[in-house]
């Protein structure tokens, strides 16, 4: 097949136009993100009063020693939060393997989670190696049995490395897992029940990540806006009674040295 000069010119113009459109869409996307970020900063909303953080921070590491800690400590923290009236306790720590250094501690943690009947545990979705398919890492089976709910802690980043949104459901092969925050919210409802997924199997991908229900996050502000207490304080009971009454409590790492991104 031969092309005339006019054909080649038309094809070249079309490719140039397409390239410009792709570039423009990228520019407009960045502008949209910048405007969205600016709007978030100017919004100045107050954080909800029924959310609190128990932070595994530098102070806690200094007082309690090298990480990881015995799971007996986590069980004690759960017990203290329950006694203070916490509505939901979401422990953002992955207990995927038995505690080799202190095996009875697993039983202690299992008992505390089952007794609380309000603990949410994480499902970790990650690629173990570069360019390898993602895998799901779940808590130990005995911990799952006593947990109020499971939620995944995976978050997609935009091309500039900033997280601006989440998928309500996600999973390898099918969107089986609600987001950790969604699982917390549903665990606090009476009766607790996660909404049914709208997924109908049309996008099945046995080895890939399947997502559903994208939502932009409305941020409340920089770190420090949500009420927070040090893990070590909660462990020793060094907090005013009622600090966690009726609250959604998130227990997780904030210390830079723990590498929780």
Protein backbone atom coordinates (compact mmCIF):
# COMPACT_ATOMS: atom_id res chain seq x y z
CA UNK A 1 0.00 0.00 0.00
CA UNK A 2 1.32 3.44 -0.98
CA UNK A 3 0.49 6.75 0.74
CA UNK A 4 0.38 10.11 -0.97
CA UNK A 5 2.08 13.17 0.46
CA UNK A 6 -1.30 14.50 1.61
CA UNK A 7 -2.04 11.20 3.35
CA UNK A 8 1.28 11.31 5.16
CA UNK A 9 0.66 14.92 6.13
CA UNK A 10 -2.81 14.10 7.48
CA UNK A 11 -1.42 11.16 9.46
CA UNK A 12 1.37 13.33 10.87
CA UNK A 13 -1.09 16.04 11.88
CA UNK A 14 -3.36 13.46 13.55
CA UNK A 15 -0.46 11.99 15.53
CA UNK A 16 0.69 15.44 16.56
CA UNK A 17 -2.83 16.36 17.67
CA UNK A 18 -3.09 13.11 19.64
CA UNK A 19 0.26 13.74 21.33
CA UNK A 20 -0.84 17.26 22.27
CA UNK A 21 -4.11 15.95 23.69
CA UNK A 22 -2.30 13.36 25.83
CA UNK A 23 0.15 15.99 27.09
CA UNK A 24 -2.69 18.43 27.77
CA UNK A 25 -4.62 15.82 29.73
CA UNK A 26 -1.56 15.27 31.92
CA UNK A 27 -1.15 19.02 32.48
CA UNK A 28 -4.86 19.46 33.24
CA UNK A 29 -4.71 16.51 35.63
CA UNK A 30 -1.82 18.09 37.53
CA UNK A 31 -3.63 21.44 37.64
CA UNK A 32 -6.77 19.71 38.92
CA UNK A 33 -4.72 18.02 41.66
CA UNK A 34 -3.06 21.30 42.64
CA UNK A 35 -6.40 23.09 42.87
CA UNK A 36 -7.82 20.21 44.88
CA UNK A 37 -4.85 20.30 47.27
CA UNK A 38 -5.24 24.06 47.70
CA UNK A 39 -8.94 23.67 48.43
CA UNK A 40 -8.16 21.05 51.07
CA UNK A 41 -5.74 23.43 52.79
CA UNK A 42 -8.21 26.32 52.74
CA UNK A 43 -11.18 24.27 53.94
CA UNK A 44 -10.10 24.36 57.60
CA UNK A 45 -12.60 21.76 58.82
CA UNK A 46 -12.58 20.51 62.39
CA UNK A 47 -11.88 16.78 62.77
CA UNK A 48 -14.65 14.55 64.16
CA UNK A 49 -14.74 14.35 67.94
CA UNK A 50 -15.38 10.59 67.96
CA UNK A 51 -12.05 9.55 66.40
CA UNK A 52 -8.81 9.04 68.35
CA UNK A 53 -5.34 7.68 67.65
CA UNK A 54 -3.17 5.54 69.91
CA UNK A 55 0.26 6.23 68.43
CA UNK A 56 3.19 3.84 68.50
CA UNK A 57 5.51 6.84 68.53
CA UNK A 58 9.12 7.61 69.40
CA UNK A 59 8.20 8.08 73.04
CA UNK A 60 6.67 4.59 73.18
CA UNK A 61 9.73 3.01 71.53
CA UNK A 62 11.96 4.81 74.02
CA UNK A 63 9.95 3.59 77.00
CA UNK A 64 9.07 0.06 75.88
CA UNK A 65 12.19 -0.93 73.96
CA UNK A 66 13.00 -2.38 70.58
CA UNK A 67 10.25 -3.31 68.14
CA UNK A 68 8.51 -5.75 67.77
CA UNK A 69 6.95 -5.93 71.22
CA UNK A 70 5.32 -8.92 72.84
CA UNK A 71 1.70 -9.32 71.83
CA UNK A 72 0.84 -9.33 75.51
CA UNK A 73 1.27 -5.53 75.37
CA UNK A 74 -1.23 -5.20 72.52
CA UNK A 75 -3.68 -7.38 74.44
CA UNK A 76 -3.33 -5.11 77.48
CA UNK A 77 -3.93 -1.99 75.36
CA UNK A 78 -7.08 -3.55 73.90
CA UNK A 79 -8.31 -4.40 77.40
CA UNK A 80 -7.71 -0.82 78.59
CA UNK A 81 -9.51 0.69 75.59
CA UNK A 82 -12.48 -1.62 76.13
CA UNK A 83 -12.61 -0.74 79.83
CA UNK A 84 -12.62 2.97 78.92
CA UNK A 85 -15.58 2.51 76.59
CA UNK A 86 -14.02 2.60 73.09
CA UNK A 87 -16.64 1.94 70.42
CA UNK A 88 -14.31 0.36 67.83
CA UNK A 89 -10.63 -0.54 68.16
CA UNK A 90 -8.76 -0.83 64.86
CA UNK A 91 -5.28 -2.31 65.33
CA UNK A 92 -3.18 -1.47 62.26
CA UNK A 93 -0.57 -4.14 62.95
CA UNK A 94 -0.07 -7.28 60.86
CA UNK A 95 -0.19 -10.46 62.95
CA UNK A 96 0.36 -12.88 60.09
CA UNK A 97 2.73 -15.30 61.83
CA UNK A 98 2.91 -16.81 65.32
CA UNK A 99 5.03 -14.99 67.92
CA UNK A 100 8.09 -17.25 67.92
CA UNK A 101 9.66 -15.47 70.89
CA UNK A 102 6.55 -15.69 73.12
CA UNK A 103 4.02 -18.24 71.86
CA UNK A 104 1.60 -17.91 74.83
CA UNK A 105 1.28 -14.23 73.89
CA UNK A 106 -0.73 -15.23 70.81
CA UNK A 107 -3.32 -16.88 73.03
CA UNK A 108 -3.42 -13.81 75.24
CA UNK A 109 -4.02 -11.54 72.24
CA UNK A 110 -6.64 -13.92 70.81
CA UNK A 111 -8.55 -13.84 74.10
CA UNK A 112 -8.42 -10.04 74.30
CA UNK A 113 -9.72 -9.61 70.73
CA UNK A 114 -12.55 -12.12 71.20
CA UNK A 115 -13.51 -10.64 74.57
CA UNK A 116 -13.57 -7.11 73.17
CA UNK A 117 -15.85 -8.03 70.23
CA UNK A 118 -15.05 -4.69 68.58
CA UNK A 119 -11.55 -5.09 67.13
CA UNK A 120 -10.84 -4.51 63.42
CA UNK A 121 -7.70 -6.12 61.96
CA UNK A 122 -5.85 -5.33 58.72
CA UNK A 123 -5.41 -7.22 55.47
CA UNK A 124 -2.11 -6.25 53.87
CA UNK A 125 -1.92 -6.15 50.06
CA UNK A 126 1.56 -5.78 48.65
CA UNK A 127 3.90 -6.95 45.91
CA UNK A 128 6.75 -8.90 47.55
CA UNK A 129 9.15 -8.02 44.74
CA UNK A 130 9.38 -5.44 41.97
CA UNK A 131 7.02 -6.27 39.08
CA UNK A 132 5.66 -9.32 40.90
CA UNK A 133 1.88 -9.87 41.31
CA UNK A 134 0.31 -8.60 44.55
CA UNK A 135 -0.52 -10.94 47.40
CA UNK A 136 -2.91 -10.69 50.35
CA UNK A 137 -1.58 -11.23 53.87
CA UNK A 138 -4.23 -11.96 56.51
CA UNK A 139 -4.00 -12.17 60.30
CA UNK A 140 -3.66 -15.53 62.04
CA UNK A 141 -6.87 -17.63 61.73
CA UNK A 142 -7.57 -17.56 65.46
CA UNK A 143 -7.38 -13.76 65.46
CA UNK A 144 -9.73 -13.53 62.47
CA UNK A 145 -12.27 -15.68 64.30
CA UNK A 146 -12.56 -13.18 67.16
CA UNK A 147 -12.28 -9.98 65.11
CA UNK A 148 -15.32 -7.77 64.47
CA UNK A 149 -14.16 -7.08 60.89
CA UNK A 150 -11.21 -7.13 58.51
CA UNK A 151 -10.20 -4.24 56.27
CA UNK A 152 -7.31 -3.73 53.91
CA UNK A 153 -4.66 -1.06 54.49
CA UNK A 154 -3.52 -0.69 50.87
CA UNK A 155 -3.70 2.84 49.39
CA UNK A 156 -2.93 3.82 45.80
CA UNK A 157 -0.70 6.84 45.22
CA UNK A 158 -1.10 9.33 42.39
CA UNK A 159 1.76 9.78 39.93
CA UNK A 160 3.25 12.53 42.12
CA UNK A 161 3.41 10.20 45.14
CA UNK A 162 0.44 11.69 47.00
CA UNK A 163 -2.60 9.71 48.18
CA UNK A 164 -5.75 11.66 47.31
CA UNK A 165 -8.30 8.88 47.28
CA UNK A 166 -9.15 5.32 48.19
CA UNK A 167 -11.15 2.43 46.79
CA UNK A 168 -13.94 1.27 49.07
CA UNK A 169 -13.27 -2.34 48.04
CA UNK A 170 -10.20 -4.02 46.65
CA UNK A 171 -8.57 -7.42 46.43
CA UNK A 172 -6.49 -9.83 44.42
CA UNK A 173 -8.78 -11.46 41.87
CA UNK A 174 -11.92 -9.73 43.16
CA UNK A 175 -12.69 -6.70 45.35
CA UNK A 176 -13.32 -8.75 48.49
CA UNK A 177 -11.97 -6.40 51.15
CA UNK A 178 -13.40 -3.08 52.35
CA UNK A 179 -11.01 -0.30 53.19
CA UNK A 180 -9.76 -0.31 56.80
CA UNK A 181 -11.62 2.91 57.58
CA UNK A 182 -14.83 1.57 56.05
CA UNK A 183 -14.52 -1.62 58.10
CA UNK A 184 -14.12 0.51 61.25
CA UNK A 185 -17.23 2.52 60.45
CA UNK A 186 -19.36 -0.52 59.75
CA UNK A 187 -18.12 -2.35 62.87
CA UNK A 188 -19.47 0.53 64.95
CA UNK A 189 -22.97 0.37 63.50
CA UNK A 190 -25.86 -1.53 65.02
CA UNK A 191 -26.13 -4.16 63.75
CA UNK A 192 -22.70 -4.20 62.12
CA UNK A 193 -23.02 -5.12 58.45
CA UNK A 194 -20.85 -4.20 55.50
CA UNK A 195 -22.75 -3.18 52.36
CA UNK A 196 -22.87 -5.80 49.64
CA UNK A 197 -20.39 -5.39 46.86
CA UNK A 198 -21.77 -4.34 43.47
CA UNK A 199 -19.08 -6.38 41.74
CA UNK A 200 -20.50 -8.96 39.35
CA UNK A 201 -17.33 -10.71 38.29
CA UNK A 202 -16.96 -8.90 34.98
CA UNK A 203 -13.42 -7.76 35.70
CA UNK A 204 -12.00 -10.93 37.21
CA UNK A 205 -8.21 -10.98 37.34
CA UNK A 206 -6.83 -14.01 39.24
CA UNK A 207 -3.40 -12.47 39.79
CA UNK A 208 -4.17 -8.77 39.57
CA UNK A 209 -5.63 -6.15 41.83
CA UNK A 210 -9.35 -5.51 41.26
CA UNK A 211 -10.82 -2.29 42.66
CA UNK A 212 -14.29 -0.85 43.18
CA UNK A 213 -15.83 2.41 44.41
CA UNK A 214 -13.19 5.14 44.17
CA UNK A 215 -13.66 8.04 46.60
CA UNK A 216 -11.64 11.23 46.99
CA UNK A 217 -10.47 11.79 50.56
CA UNK A 218 -11.53 15.00 52.30
CA UNK A 219 -8.55 15.69 54.53
CA UNK A 220 -8.98 17.47 57.85
CA UNK A 221 -5.50 18.95 57.96
CA UNK A 222 -1.87 18.13 58.73
CA UNK A 223 -0.72 15.53 61.29
CA UNK A 224 -1.78 16.39 64.82
CA UNK A 225 -5.34 17.44 63.97
CA UNK A 226 -6.88 14.22 65.29
CA UNK A 227 -6.75 13.60 69.05
CA UNK A 228 -3.81 11.32 69.84
CA UNK A 229 -2.28 9.61 72.86
CA UNK A 230 1.00 7.72 73.06
CA UNK A 231 0.76 3.92 73.11
CA UNK A 232 2.93 3.84 76.24
CA UNK A 233 0.46 6.12 78.04
CA UNK A 234 -2.48 3.88 77.22
CA UNK A 235 -0.54 0.74 78.17
CA UNK A 236 0.17 2.12 81.65
CA UNK A 237 -3.28 3.68 82.07
CA UNK A 238 -1.82 7.19 82.12
CA UNK A 239 -4.83 8.98 80.59
CA UNK A 240 -7.99 10.65 81.92
CA UNK A 241 -10.94 8.26 82.33
CA UNK A 242 -13.40 8.52 79.44
CA UNK A 243 -10.77 9.64 76.92
CA UNK A 244 -11.92 6.92 74.51
CA UNK A 245 -15.57 6.53 75.46
CA UNK A 246 -17.75 6.09 72.38
CA UNK A 247 -14.83 6.65 70.00
CA UNK A 248 -13.38 4.95 66.94
CA UNK A 249 -9.80 4.28 68.07
CA UNK A 250 -7.00 3.61 65.60
CA UNK A 251 -3.88 1.93 67.03
CA UNK A 252 -0.88 2.19 64.71
CA UNK A 253 2.69 3.27 64.08
CA UNK A 254 3.67 6.91 63.71
CA UNK A 255 7.36 6.57 64.64
CA UNK A 256 9.52 7.25 61.59
CA UNK A 257 11.88 4.39 62.46
CA UNK A 258 9.15 1.78 61.96
CA UNK A 259 8.90 2.63 58.27
CA UNK A 260 5.09 2.65 58.09
CA UNK A 261 4.41 4.73 54.96
